[in-house]
Protein backbone atom coordinates (compact mmCIF):
# COMPACT_ATOMS: atom_id res chain seq x y z
CA MET A 1 52.73 108.83 -14.42
CA THR A 2 49.73 106.82 -13.27
CA SER A 3 49.31 106.74 -9.48
CA ILE A 4 47.89 103.81 -7.53
CA LEU A 5 46.93 103.78 -3.85
CA LEU A 6 47.19 100.47 -1.96
CA ILE A 7 44.98 100.15 1.13
CA ASP A 8 45.59 97.05 3.25
CA GLU A 9 46.78 96.04 6.70
CA ASP A 10 49.06 93.26 5.43
CA ARG A 11 52.54 94.77 5.22
CA THR A 12 53.96 91.76 3.38
CA LEU A 13 51.28 92.00 0.70
CA LEU A 14 51.79 95.75 0.35
CA ALA A 15 55.53 95.28 -0.13
CA ALA A 16 55.01 92.61 -2.80
CA LEU A 17 52.37 94.67 -4.64
CA THR A 18 54.52 97.79 -4.49
CA THR A 19 57.44 95.97 -6.09
CA LEU A 20 55.16 94.50 -8.76
CA LEU A 21 53.49 97.80 -9.67
CA GLU A 22 56.67 99.86 -9.59
CA SER A 23 58.26 97.38 -11.99
CA ALA A 24 55.33 98.21 -14.33
CA ASN A 25 56.14 101.98 -14.09
CA TYR A 26 53.31 102.94 -11.73
CA THR A 27 53.61 105.44 -8.89
CA VAL A 28 52.54 103.61 -5.73
CA ALA A 29 51.34 104.99 -2.39
CA ARG A 30 50.42 102.84 0.59
CA ALA A 31 47.99 103.24 3.50
CA LEU A 32 47.92 100.93 6.51
CA THR A 33 45.25 102.70 8.56
CA ASP A 34 41.79 104.10 8.01
CA SER A 35 42.86 107.70 8.70
CA ALA A 36 45.88 107.47 6.38
CA ALA A 37 43.71 106.10 3.57
CA ARG A 38 41.15 108.93 3.91
CA GLN A 39 43.90 111.54 4.01
CA ALA A 40 45.49 110.13 0.85
CA LEU A 41 42.12 110.11 -0.93
CA ARG A 42 41.51 113.77 -0.02
CA GLU A 43 44.96 115.24 -0.57
CA THR A 44 46.27 113.36 -3.62
CA PRO A 45 43.42 111.45 -5.31
CA PRO A 46 45.00 108.50 -7.16
CA ASP A 47 44.05 107.16 -10.57
CA LEU A 48 43.24 103.76 -9.07
CA VAL A 49 42.72 102.34 -5.59
CA VAL A 50 43.54 98.71 -4.76
CA LEU A 51 41.47 98.04 -1.65
CA GLU A 52 40.97 95.23 0.87
CA VAL A 53 37.34 95.59 1.97
CA ASP A 54 38.03 93.55 5.12
CA PHE A 55 40.08 96.45 6.44
CA GLY A 56 39.87 98.19 9.78
CA ARG A 57 36.97 96.10 11.14
CA GLY A 58 34.60 96.95 8.33
CA ALA A 59 36.01 100.35 7.40
CA GLY A 60 36.99 99.00 3.98
CA TRP A 61 33.38 99.06 2.78
CA ALA A 62 33.03 102.68 3.87
CA LEU A 63 36.28 103.55 2.06
CA LEU A 64 34.92 101.85 -1.06
CA ASP A 65 31.83 104.06 -0.99
CA GLU A 66 33.90 107.18 -0.37
CA ALA A 67 36.34 106.42 -3.19
CA VAL A 68 33.52 105.70 -5.65
CA ALA A 69 31.70 108.86 -4.55
CA ALA A 70 34.93 110.82 -5.19
CA GLY A 71 35.08 109.45 -8.75
CA THR A 72 38.06 107.13 -8.23
CA ARG A 73 38.41 103.70 -9.80
CA VAL A 74 38.52 100.96 -7.17
CA LEU A 75 39.88 97.45 -7.66
CA VAL A 76 38.94 95.23 -4.73
CA LEU A 77 41.57 92.65 -3.82
CA SER A 78 40.17 90.72 -0.86
CA ARG A 79 40.48 87.40 0.93
CA HIS A 80 36.66 87.26 1.10
CA PHE A 81 35.45 85.99 -2.25
CA ARG A 82 31.96 84.75 -1.47
CA THR A 83 29.20 85.45 -3.95
CA GLU A 84 27.49 87.95 -1.68
CA ASP A 85 30.79 89.80 -1.12
CA VAL A 86 31.47 90.08 -4.86
CA VAL A 87 27.93 91.24 -5.57
CA ARG A 88 28.08 93.76 -2.75
CA GLY A 89 31.40 95.18 -3.94
CA LEU A 90 30.31 95.48 -7.57
CA GLU A 91 26.99 97.05 -6.61
CA ALA A 92 28.86 99.56 -4.44
CA GLY A 93 30.75 100.74 -7.55
CA ALA A 94 33.98 98.71 -7.62
CA THR A 95 35.35 98.36 -11.14
CA GLU A 96 36.91 94.96 -10.41
CA TYR A 97 36.83 92.32 -7.66
CA LEU A 98 39.75 89.88 -7.35
CA ALA A 99 40.49 87.23 -4.77
CA LYS A 100 43.55 86.50 -2.67
CA PRO A 101 45.96 84.88 -3.29
CA TYR A 102 46.32 86.71 -6.59
CA ARG A 103 48.29 86.10 -9.76
CA ALA A 104 50.67 88.91 -10.65
CA GLU A 105 50.00 88.82 -14.40
CA GLU A 106 46.25 88.90 -13.88
CA VAL A 107 46.45 91.87 -11.50
CA LEU A 108 48.61 93.85 -13.94
CA SER A 109 46.31 93.11 -16.88
CA ARG A 110 43.16 94.03 -14.93
CA ILE A 111 44.72 97.29 -13.76
CA ALA A 112 45.80 98.18 -17.30
CA VAL A 113 42.31 97.51 -18.67
CA ARG A 114 40.53 99.49 -15.94
CA LEU A 115 42.85 102.47 -16.32
CA GLN A 116 41.94 102.70 -20.00
CA GLN A 117 38.27 103.09 -19.11
CA PRO A 118 36.85 106.47 -18.04
CA ALA A 119 36.69 107.13 -14.33
CA PRO A 120 33.24 107.22 -12.67
CA LEU A 121 31.65 110.60 -12.13
CA PRO A 122 32.04 111.98 -8.62
CA VAL A 123 28.99 112.15 -6.40
CA GLN A 124 28.48 115.24 -4.32
CA VAL A 125 28.01 114.07 -0.73
CA PRO A 126 26.17 116.68 1.34
CA THR A 127 27.61 117.75 4.66
CA ILE A 128 25.85 117.22 7.95
CA ALA A 129 24.51 120.78 8.01
CA GLN A 130 23.20 120.46 4.45
CA THR A 131 21.56 117.14 5.14
CA THR A 132 19.97 118.51 8.31
CA ALA A 133 18.51 121.44 6.39
CA ALA A 134 17.42 119.13 3.61
CA SER A 135 15.71 116.77 6.03
CA SER A 136 13.80 119.63 7.63
CA ALA A 137 12.68 120.92 4.23
CA PRO A 138 9.88 119.15 2.36
CA ALA A 139 11.03 116.46 -0.04
CA PRO A 140 11.17 117.57 -3.66
CA GLN A 141 8.55 116.07 -5.92
CA GLU A 142 8.67 115.32 -9.57
CA PRO A 143 6.46 117.40 -11.82
CA GLY A 144 2.97 115.98 -11.88
CA ALA A 145 3.67 113.52 -9.05
CA THR A 146 1.40 113.39 -6.05
CA PRO A 147 2.54 112.66 -2.50
CA SER A 148 0.78 109.31 -2.62
CA GLU A 149 2.99 108.22 -5.55
CA LEU A 150 6.15 108.82 -3.47
CA GLU A 151 4.92 106.72 -0.57
CA VAL A 152 6.42 103.27 -0.02
CA ASP A 153 4.32 100.17 -0.31
CA ALA A 154 3.54 99.06 3.24
CA THR A 155 3.12 95.44 2.18
CA LEU A 156 6.82 95.07 1.37
CA PRO A 157 9.08 93.22 3.84
CA LEU A 158 10.95 95.29 6.37
CA GLY A 159 14.31 95.41 4.58
CA GLN A 160 12.86 96.14 1.14
CA ARG A 161 10.55 98.78 2.60
CA LEU A 162 13.43 100.60 4.29
CA ARG A 163 15.54 100.51 1.12
CA ALA A 164 12.64 101.78 -0.97
CA ALA A 165 12.06 104.59 1.52
CA ARG A 166 15.73 105.60 1.38
CA LYS A 167 15.82 105.60 -2.41
CA ALA A 168 12.51 107.47 -2.64
CA ARG A 169 14.07 110.25 -0.57
CA ASN A 170 17.26 110.14 -2.68
CA ILE A 171 19.47 109.35 0.33
CA SER A 172 22.75 107.54 -0.24
CA LEU A 173 24.29 105.05 2.15
CA VAL A 174 27.00 107.55 3.06
CA GLN A 175 24.41 110.18 3.90
CA ALA A 176 22.41 107.69 5.97
CA ASN A 177 25.57 106.75 7.83
CA LEU A 178 26.40 110.39 8.56
CA GLU A 179 22.87 111.21 9.65
CA THR A 180 22.07 108.22 11.84
CA LYS A 181 25.59 107.37 13.07
CA ILE A 182 24.84 103.76 12.14
CA GLN A 183 27.62 101.75 10.55
CA MET A 184 27.13 101.37 6.80
CA TYR A 185 27.41 97.61 6.81
CA TYR A 186 24.66 97.44 9.44
CA ILE A 187 22.42 99.52 7.18
CA GLN A 188 23.18 97.24 4.24
CA ALA A 189 22.58 94.12 6.33
CA LEU A 190 19.23 95.53 7.48
CA GLU A 191 18.11 96.48 3.98
CA GLU A 192 19.26 93.12 2.55
CA GLU A 193 17.49 91.33 5.44
CA LYS A 194 20.72 89.65 6.60
CA TYR A 195 19.71 89.93 10.22
CA SER A 196 22.37 87.51 11.42
CA LEU A 197 25.01 90.19 10.69
CA LEU A 198 23.41 92.65 13.10
CA PRO A 199 24.44 92.90 16.74
CA ARG A 200 22.27 91.25 19.34
CA GLY A 201 20.41 92.68 22.27
CA ALA A 202 19.01 96.13 22.96
CA SER A 203 21.48 97.78 20.58
CA THR A 204 19.74 96.13 17.60
CA ASP A 205 16.32 97.35 18.73
CA ALA A 206 17.63 100.91 19.09
CA LEU A 207 19.35 100.68 15.67
CA ILE A 208 16.15 99.59 13.90
CA GLN A 209 14.00 102.23 15.60
CA ARG A 210 16.52 104.97 14.80
CA TYR A 211 16.80 103.99 11.14
CA ALA A 212 13.03 103.62 10.73
CA THR A 213 12.49 107.04 12.31
CA PHE A 214 15.10 108.55 9.99
CA LEU A 215 13.25 107.19 6.93
CA GLY A 216 9.81 108.24 8.22
CA ASP A 217 8.63 104.72 9.04
CA ASP A 218 6.84 103.70 12.22
CA PRO A 219 9.67 102.62 14.60
CA ASN A 220 7.44 100.46 16.80
CA ALA A 221 5.95 98.65 13.82
CA ALA A 222 9.40 98.13 12.30
CA LEU A 223 10.73 96.72 15.58
CA ALA A 224 7.73 94.40 15.97
CA GLU A 225 8.20 93.11 12.41
CA PHE A 226 11.91 92.56 13.00
CA ARG A 227 11.22 90.56 16.15
CA ARG A 228 8.61 88.52 14.35
CA LEU A 229 11.01 87.72 11.51
CA HIS A 230 14.23 87.24 13.40
CA HIS A 231 13.58 86.57 17.08
CA ASN A 232 11.65 83.34 16.74
CA GLU A 233 10.95 81.12 19.67
CA ILE A 234 13.40 78.30 20.07
CA GLU A 235 11.86 75.06 18.89
CA GLY A 236 13.04 71.54 19.30
CA PRO A 237 14.63 69.65 16.43
CA ARG A 238 12.31 68.40 13.76
CA ASP A 239 12.43 65.19 11.79
CA LEU A 240 12.11 64.90 8.02
CA ALA A 241 8.30 64.97 8.20
CA GLY A 242 8.38 68.34 9.87
CA GLN A 243 6.90 67.15 13.15
CA PRO A 244 8.58 68.04 16.43
CA VAL A 245 10.66 65.25 17.86
CA VAL A 246 9.36 63.94 21.17
CA ARG A 247 12.22 63.56 23.58
CA ARG A 248 11.84 60.47 25.77
CA ARG A 249 13.31 60.06 29.16
CA ARG A 250 16.03 57.46 29.07
CA TRP A 251 16.86 57.14 32.74
CA PRO A 252 14.36 54.24 33.37
CA LEU A 253 16.13 52.24 30.64
CA ALA A 254 19.50 52.97 32.23
CA ILE A 255 18.23 51.79 35.64
CA ALA A 256 16.84 48.58 34.12
CA LEU A 257 20.14 47.84 32.36
CA LEU A 258 22.04 48.44 35.60
CA ALA A 259 19.74 46.07 37.52
CA ILE A 260 20.18 43.37 34.88
CA ALA A 261 23.95 43.74 35.04
CA LEU A 262 24.00 43.47 38.85
CA LEU A 263 21.73 40.41 38.76
CA THR A 264 23.96 38.73 36.18
CA CYS A 265 27.06 39.40 38.27
CA GLY A 266 25.36 37.99 41.39
CA LEU A 267 24.26 34.79 39.66
CA THR A 268 27.72 34.28 38.17
CA ALA A 269 29.39 34.74 41.56
CA GLY A 270 26.98 32.26 43.20
CA ALA A 271 27.62 29.63 40.54
CA LEU A 272 31.37 29.98 40.86
CA THR A 273 31.15 29.69 44.67
CA TYR A 274 29.09 26.51 44.35
CA ILE A 275 31.39 24.88 41.80
CA PHE A 276 34.76 26.03 43.17
CA PRO A 277 34.28 26.65 46.90
CA THR A 278 37.96 26.43 47.89
CA GLN A 279 39.23 28.64 45.11
CA THR A 280 36.44 31.12 45.72
CA SER A 281 37.28 31.28 49.41
CA ASN A 282 40.93 31.92 48.61
CA VAL A 283 40.01 34.66 46.18
CA VAL A 284 37.71 36.29 48.73
CA THR A 285 40.45 36.14 51.37
CA ASN A 286 42.97 37.72 48.99
CA VAL A 287 40.55 40.45 48.06
CA ARG A 288 39.81 41.20 51.71
CA GLY A 289 43.53 41.32 52.34
CA LEU A 290 43.87 43.95 49.64
CA PHE A 291 41.29 46.21 51.26
CA ALA A 292 42.10 45.40 54.92
CA GLU A 293 43.83 47.99 57.02
CA PRO A 294 47.55 47.28 57.44
CA THR A 295 48.67 45.87 60.82
CA PRO A 296 50.67 48.45 62.75
CA THR A 297 54.31 47.45 63.07
CA PRO A 298 55.67 47.59 66.67
CA PRO A 299 58.45 50.05 67.19
CA PRO A 300 61.93 48.49 67.20
CA THR A 301 63.48 47.69 70.62
CA PRO A 302 66.63 49.68 71.28
CA THR A 303 69.71 47.43 71.38
CA LEU A 304 72.30 48.10 74.05
CA PRO A 305 75.89 48.07 72.96
CA PRO A 306 77.74 44.88 73.99
CA THR A 307 79.59 45.01 77.36
CA ALA A 308 83.24 44.20 77.30
CA VAL A 309 83.92 40.91 79.18
CA PRO A 310 87.24 40.81 80.93
CA THR A 311 89.44 38.14 79.43
CA ALA A 312 91.60 36.03 81.73
CA THR A 313 95.15 36.11 80.55
CA ALA A 314 97.19 33.08 81.43
CA THR A 315 100.59 34.11 82.77
CA GLU A 316 103.25 31.51 82.55
CA THR A 317 104.98 31.15 85.93
CA PRO A 318 108.48 29.99 85.70
CA PRO A 319 109.14 26.73 87.55
CA PRO A 320 110.56 27.13 91.06
CA THR A 321 114.27 26.88 91.36
CA ARG A 322 115.37 24.12 93.62
CA THR A 323 117.70 25.24 96.33
CA PRO A 324 120.23 22.59 97.24
CA THR A 325 119.66 21.20 100.71
CA THR A 326 122.56 21.09 103.13
CA THR A 327 123.35 17.59 104.08
CA PRO A 328 123.28 17.34 107.83
CA THR A 329 126.63 16.70 109.28
CA LEU A 330 126.94 14.16 111.99
CA THR A 331 129.06 15.58 114.75
CA LEU A 332 130.33 13.24 117.36
CA THR A 333 131.35 14.80 120.52
CA VAL A 334 133.43 12.59 122.81
CA VAL A 335 133.10 13.55 126.39
CA PRO A 336 135.59 11.91 128.64
CA PRO A 337 133.88 9.63 130.94
CA THR A 338 133.69 10.38 134.45
CA ALA A 339 133.26 8.13 137.23
CA THR A 340 129.84 9.35 137.93
CA SER A 341 128.37 9.96 134.54
CA PRO A 342 127.89 7.63 131.79
CA ILE A 343 129.10 8.23 128.29
CA THR A 344 126.43 10.26 126.42
CA GLY A 345 126.46 10.78 122.77
CA THR A 346 124.58 13.74 121.11
CA VAL A 347 123.99 13.86 117.52
CA THR A 348 123.75 17.36 116.20
CA PRO A 349 122.26 17.69 112.94
């Protein structure tokens, strides 16, 4: 049964593709990491690889080269479908390049067609020890060829010159990556003169010098040419005629506009004061009242609790009881007269 290896970080996509391919009677294996994909390619080489090149921070392009070098058909199924990406994938040896989101019928038909075609021949990639011995040995020459015929034209641009030097020495991108420890997509960006894809700073200078030294080019001259082509001095914006735009200072104009505005406000306020003096005075007073400091409020005086006033209670005195008065009794005492005393009468009350 035909085996297919799916290499992608999207678990949802892998599950959907697995269901689709298994329904078409394919044996499907999946790889979510760079190491798992390489192990699957070494241990059980599949009949076809469905690969996302934007995988593992650029490791997908390296896996594409390794799968093609191993003689495996590769169908690229990627979310990057720019023209340069398609051209790069097909030039690297991919048998097909499809875009995401995909159509199930189209994917099945493309896979069926590519499986009917013969697989690419494997490329023997030398080991590090072999490449070191080969680099120390003199480069093989074709019969009848002179050393001057194998030299690279020095008038070529930097990227084309480095690519020509690599091909003249029969060095693949994988071998250059193993030898120089430079990422493969950096080497491709340098040879294709896509300098914006390279890192910035001192690491780029070291990368260019290392790669130029590896290919037998002058590293200082290569670095100087790279700086001349890529590190241009920052220029001001240009107009359509190509002349630099002269930037004028605009702060004098701003000061003049501010002075005109203040003068206009002053004249307007003077005219209103002359025409409406009373209303203007009231407005000024109200405005001053808004910005005046508030008058401090005196603290409240403590209030003593009210003192209870004694209330005179009128007591009703009963009227005095009249005591009956004894009527004096007239007592008449009769004293017998004597010869010497007269008759005296005493009235006793």
